[in-house]
Amino acid sequence: MKNLILGVSAIALLGLASCKKDRNCECTYQDTGNTTIIENKAIKNATLKDAKRICDDYESSGFTKTCTLQ
């Protein structure tokens, strides 16, 4: 019984723990003078899934702006 409780507790702790860390999102686009501009946006303390979502949200439909998670 004690081993069962320890096992369930260990699995629960692993499920609650997620790998959060600082990540970088790099966005590139061209301005009106056809100069390629590169922006680096820091994403602080985020899981990989959340960081991808945030980086995708940086993309703009007004002009071609492509963002990728580094």
N, C-alpha and C. Protein backbone atom coordinates (compact mmCIF):
# COMPACT_ATOMS: atom_id res chain seq x y z
N MET A 1 0.83 -1.19 0.00
CA MET A 1 0.00 0.00 0.00
C MET A 1 0.88 1.25 0.00
N LYS A 2 1.95 1.22 0.80
CA LYS A 2 2.85 2.37 0.88
C LYS A 2 3.50 2.63 -0.49
N ASN A 3 3.89 1.56 -1.19
CA ASN A 3 4.50 1.70 -2.52
C ASN A 3 3.51 2.27 -3.53
N LEU A 4 2.26 1.89 -3.41
CA LEU A 4 1.24 2.40 -4.31
C LEU A 4 1.05 3.90 -4.12
N ILE A 5 1.01 4.33 -2.87
CA ILE A 5 0.84 5.76 -2.58
C ILE A 5 2.06 6.55 -3.08
N LEU A 6 3.26 6.02 -2.86
CA LEU A 6 4.47 6.69 -3.34
C LEU A 6 4.49 6.76 -4.86
N GLY A 7 4.08 5.69 -5.51
CA GLY A 7 4.05 5.66 -6.97
C GLY A 7 3.07 6.67 -7.54
N VAL A 8 1.89 6.73 -6.97
CA VAL A 8 0.88 7.68 -7.43
C VAL A 8 1.35 9.11 -7.17
N SER A 9 1.97 9.34 -6.05
CA SER A 9 2.48 10.67 -5.72
C SER A 9 3.57 11.10 -6.70
N ALA A 10 4.45 10.18 -7.03
CA ALA A 10 5.53 10.49 -7.97
C ALA A 10 4.97 10.84 -9.34
N ILE A 11 4.00 10.09 -9.81
CA ILE A 11 3.40 10.37 -11.12
C ILE A 11 2.68 11.71 -11.10
N ALA A 12 2.00 12.02 -10.02
CA ALA A 12 1.29 13.29 -9.90
C ALA A 12 2.27 14.46 -9.93
N LEU A 13 3.39 14.33 -9.24
CA LEU A 13 4.38 15.40 -9.24
C LEU A 13 5.00 15.61 -10.62
N LEU A 14 5.26 14.53 -11.32
CA LEU A 14 5.81 14.64 -12.67
C LEU A 14 4.81 15.30 -13.62
N GLY A 15 3.54 15.00 -13.43
CA GLY A 15 2.51 15.59 -14.27
C GLY A 15 2.34 17.08 -14.03
N LEU A 16 2.55 17.50 -12.79
CA LEU A 16 2.42 18.92 -12.46
C LEU A 16 3.64 19.73 -12.88
N ALA A 17 4.78 19.08 -12.92
CA ALA A 17 6.00 19.78 -13.27
C ALA A 17 6.10 19.91 -14.79
N SER A 18 6.38 21.11 -15.26
CA SER A 18 6.58 21.32 -16.69
C SER A 18 7.88 22.07 -16.88
N CYS A 19 8.47 21.87 -18.01
CA CYS A 19 9.76 22.49 -18.29
C CYS A 19 9.54 23.91 -18.77
N LYS A 20 9.59 24.84 -17.84
CA LYS A 20 9.45 26.25 -18.18
C LYS A 20 10.84 26.88 -18.21
N LYS A 21 11.10 27.62 -19.26
CA LYS A 21 12.36 28.33 -19.34
C LYS A 21 12.21 29.52 -20.28
N ASP A 22 13.23 30.35 -20.34
CA ASP A 22 13.22 31.49 -21.23
C ASP A 22 13.52 31.01 -22.64
N ARG A 23 12.77 31.55 -23.59
CA ARG A 23 12.94 31.14 -24.99
C ARG A 23 13.01 32.38 -25.86
N ASN A 24 13.43 32.22 -27.11
CA ASN A 24 13.59 33.33 -28.02
C ASN A 24 12.77 33.10 -29.29
N CYS A 25 12.06 34.14 -29.71
CA CYS A 25 11.28 34.09 -30.93
C CYS A 25 11.90 35.07 -31.92
N GLU A 26 12.30 34.58 -33.08
CA GLU A 26 12.93 35.43 -34.09
C GLU A 26 11.95 35.70 -35.22
N CYS A 27 11.69 36.98 -35.48
CA CYS A 27 10.75 37.39 -36.53
C CYS A 27 11.51 38.14 -37.61
N THR A 28 11.21 37.82 -38.86
CA THR A 28 11.82 38.52 -39.99
C THR A 28 10.73 39.06 -40.89
N TYR A 29 10.95 40.24 -41.45
CA TYR A 29 10.03 40.83 -42.40
C TYR A 29 10.77 41.91 -43.19
N GLN A 30 10.14 42.41 -44.25
CA GLN A 30 10.73 43.47 -45.05
C GLN A 30 9.92 44.74 -44.89
N ASP A 31 10.64 45.86 -44.73
CA ASP A 31 9.93 47.13 -44.65
C ASP A 31 9.68 47.65 -46.07
N THR A 32 9.18 48.87 -46.20
CA THR A 32 8.82 49.41 -47.52
C THR A 32 10.03 49.60 -48.41
N GLY A 33 11.22 49.72 -47.85
CA GLY A 33 12.44 49.86 -48.65
C GLY A 33 13.08 48.52 -48.96
N ASN A 34 12.34 47.44 -48.76
CA ASN A 34 12.82 46.07 -49.00
C ASN A 34 14.04 45.71 -48.16
N THR A 35 14.17 46.33 -47.02
CA THR A 35 15.23 45.99 -46.10
C THR A 35 14.71 44.91 -45.16
N THR A 36 15.44 43.83 -45.06
CA THR A 36 15.02 42.75 -44.16
C THR A 36 15.32 43.14 -42.72
N ILE A 37 14.31 43.05 -41.91
CA ILE A 37 14.43 43.41 -40.51
C ILE A 37 14.26 42.14 -39.68
N ILE A 38 15.13 41.98 -38.72
CA ILE A 38 15.04 40.82 -37.83
C ILE A 38 14.80 41.33 -36.41
N GLU A 39 13.76 40.82 -35.79
CA GLU A 39 13.44 41.15 -34.41
C GLU A 39 13.58 39.89 -33.57
N ASN A 40 14.17 40.03 -32.43
CA ASN A 40 14.24 38.93 -31.46
C ASN A 40 13.38 39.30 -30.27
N LYS A 41 12.42 38.45 -29.98
CA LYS A 41 11.52 38.71 -28.87
C LYS A 41 11.73 37.63 -27.81
N ALA A 42 12.00 38.06 -26.61
CA ALA A 42 12.22 37.12 -25.50
C ALA A 42 10.88 36.67 -24.94
N ILE A 43 10.75 35.40 -24.71
CA ILE A 43 9.57 34.82 -24.07
C ILE A 43 10.06 34.22 -22.76
N LYS A 44 9.64 34.80 -21.67
CA LYS A 44 10.15 34.43 -20.35
C LYS A 44 9.30 33.33 -19.70
N ASN A 45 9.98 32.38 -19.09
CA ASN A 45 9.36 31.36 -18.23
C ASN A 45 8.13 30.70 -18.86
N ALA A 46 8.30 30.12 -20.04
CA ALA A 46 7.19 29.50 -20.77
C ALA A 46 7.51 28.06 -21.13
N THR A 47 6.46 27.24 -21.19
CA THR A 47 6.63 25.88 -21.69
C THR A 47 6.81 25.96 -23.21
N LEU A 48 7.24 24.90 -23.81
CA LEU A 48 7.45 24.87 -25.26
C LEU A 48 6.14 25.15 -25.99
N LYS A 49 5.07 24.55 -25.55
CA LYS A 49 3.76 24.73 -26.18
C LYS A 49 3.30 26.18 -26.09
N ASP A 50 3.42 26.77 -24.92
CA ASP A 50 3.02 28.17 -24.74
C ASP A 50 3.91 29.11 -25.55
N ALA A 51 5.21 28.83 -25.59
CA ALA A 51 6.14 29.67 -26.33
C ALA A 51 5.84 29.63 -27.83
N LYS A 52 5.49 28.46 -28.37
CA LYS A 52 5.13 28.36 -29.78
C LYS A 52 3.88 29.18 -30.08
N ARG A 53 2.90 29.12 -29.19
CA ARG A 53 1.67 29.88 -29.39
C ARG A 53 1.95 31.38 -29.36
N ILE A 54 2.75 31.82 -28.41
CA ILE A 54 3.09 33.24 -28.29
C ILE A 54 3.87 33.70 -29.52
N CYS A 55 4.82 32.90 -29.96
CA CYS A 55 5.63 33.26 -31.13
C CYS A 55 4.75 33.34 -32.37
N ASP A 56 3.83 32.41 -32.54
CA ASP A 56 2.91 32.44 -33.68
C ASP A 56 2.04 33.69 -33.65
N ASP A 57 1.69 34.15 -32.46
CA ASP A 57 0.86 35.36 -32.33
C ASP A 57 1.60 36.62 -32.76
N TYR A 58 2.93 36.60 -32.77
CA TYR A 58 3.71 37.75 -33.21
C TYR A 58 3.62 37.96 -34.72
N GLU A 59 3.29 36.90 -35.46
CA GLU A 59 3.21 37.03 -36.92
C GLU A 59 2.08 37.99 -37.28
N SER A 60 2.28 38.71 -38.37
CA SER A 60 1.31 39.72 -38.78
C SER A 60 0.82 39.44 -40.18
N SER A 61 -0.47 39.67 -40.40
CA SER A 61 -1.03 39.45 -41.73
C SER A 61 -0.98 40.72 -42.57
N GLY A 62 -0.68 41.88 -41.97
CA GLY A 62 -0.60 43.14 -42.70
C GLY A 62 0.56 43.16 -43.68
N PHE A 63 1.63 42.54 -43.35
CA PHE A 63 2.78 42.38 -44.22
C PHE A 63 3.41 41.05 -43.88
N THR A 64 4.29 40.59 -44.73
CA THR A 64 4.87 39.27 -44.50
C THR A 64 5.85 39.33 -43.35
N LYS A 65 5.46 38.75 -42.24
CA LYS A 65 6.29 38.68 -41.05
C LYS A 65 6.27 37.25 -40.57
N THR A 66 7.40 36.60 -40.60
CA THR A 66 7.50 35.21 -40.22
C THR A 66 8.27 35.10 -38.92
N CYS A 67 7.71 34.38 -37.97
CA CYS A 67 8.34 34.20 -36.67
C CYS A 67 8.57 32.73 -36.40
N THR A 68 9.76 32.42 -35.90
CA THR A 68 10.08 31.04 -35.54
C THR A 68 10.69 31.01 -34.15
N LEU A 69 10.38 29.97 -33.42
CA LEU A 69 10.90 29.79 -32.08
C LEU A 69 12.33 29.26 -32.19
N GLN A 70 13.23 29.89 -31.48
CA GLN A 70 14.65 29.49 -31.52
C GLN A 70 14.98 28.60 -30.35
